[in-house]
Amino acid sequence: MAFGFGVLRRSSAEFWAMTPRELASASNANFLKAGGSPARADMAAMMQKFPDSAELVT
C-alpha cells in the first residue's frame, strides 16, 4: 500500500482496482529507473573512499 500510494501516487480507488500483474509491472518499472548496479569503477571508488573496518560489530 505504501508503494501504491506513496511511490505510484495512486488514489485508493485506483490502487484497489489494480490487478496483481499491474502492480508487479509498475513496481518493476519503478526499480528499473533507479539505474541498476554501480559500474565497476564507481564501486572501486566507493570502496576506496569508504573502506571496510576491522572494528565492525557483527
Protein backbone atom coordinates (compact mmCIF):
# COMPACT_ATOMS: atom_id res chain seq x y z
CA MET A 1 0.00 0.00 0.00
CA ALA A 2 2.85 2.39 0.80
CA PHE A 3 4.29 1.75 -2.65
CA GLY A 4 0.93 2.23 -4.35
CA PHE A 5 0.03 5.41 -2.51
CA GLY A 6 3.46 6.92 -1.89
CA VAL A 7 5.55 5.97 -4.91
CA LEU A 8 2.92 5.44 -7.60
CA ARG A 9 0.76 8.26 -6.17
CA ARG A 10 -2.47 6.29 -6.82
CA SER A 11 -5.77 7.13 -5.20
CA SER A 12 -7.44 4.47 -3.05
CA ALA A 13 -9.82 3.59 -5.87
CA GLU A 14 -7.00 3.32 -8.43
CA PHE A 15 -4.81 1.27 -6.10
CA TRP A 16 -7.51 -1.25 -5.16
CA ALA A 17 -8.59 -1.55 -8.81
CA MET A 18 -5.08 -2.65 -9.86
CA THR A 19 -4.55 -6.31 -10.61
CA PRO A 20 -1.56 -8.07 -9.03
CA ARG A 21 0.01 -8.19 -12.51
CA GLU A 22 -0.38 -4.42 -12.94
CA LEU A 23 1.12 -3.75 -9.51
CA ALA A 24 4.07 -6.07 -10.23
CA SER A 25 4.65 -4.41 -13.59
CA ALA A 26 4.56 -0.94 -12.02
CA SER A 27 6.99 -1.95 -9.30
CA ASN A 28 9.44 -3.50 -11.80
CA ALA A 29 9.34 -0.41 -14.00
CA ASN A 30 9.94 1.83 -10.99
CA PHE A 31 13.01 -0.14 -9.87
CA LEU A 32 14.48 -0.15 -13.37
CA LYS A 33 14.55 3.65 -13.30
CA ALA A 34 16.98 3.53 -10.38
CA GLY A 35 19.83 2.66 -12.75
CA GLY A 36 20.73 -0.82 -11.51
CA SER A 37 24.14 -1.72 -10.15
CA PRO A 38 27.02 0.75 -9.97
CA ALA A 39 29.76 0.48 -12.58
CA ARG A 40 32.96 -1.31 -11.56
CA ALA A 41 34.95 1.96 -11.46
CA ASP A 42 32.30 3.64 -9.31
CA MET A 43 32.27 0.68 -6.92
CA ALA A 44 36.09 0.74 -6.67
CA ALA A 45 35.99 4.48 -5.89
CA MET A 46 33.38 3.95 -3.16
CA MET A 47 35.40 1.08 -1.68
CA GLN A 48 38.46 3.32 -1.55
CA LYS A 49 36.55 6.22 -0.04
CA PHE A 50 34.67 4.06 2.50
CA PRO A 51 36.91 1.06 3.33
CA ASP A 52 35.64 -1.77 5.49
CA SER A 53 36.83 -1.57 9.06
CA ALA A 54 38.10 -4.47 11.15
CA GLU A 55 36.18 -2.87 14.04
CA LEU A 56 32.75 -3.65 12.61
CA VAL A 57 30.39 -5.23 15.11
CA THR A 58 28.57 -8.32 13.89
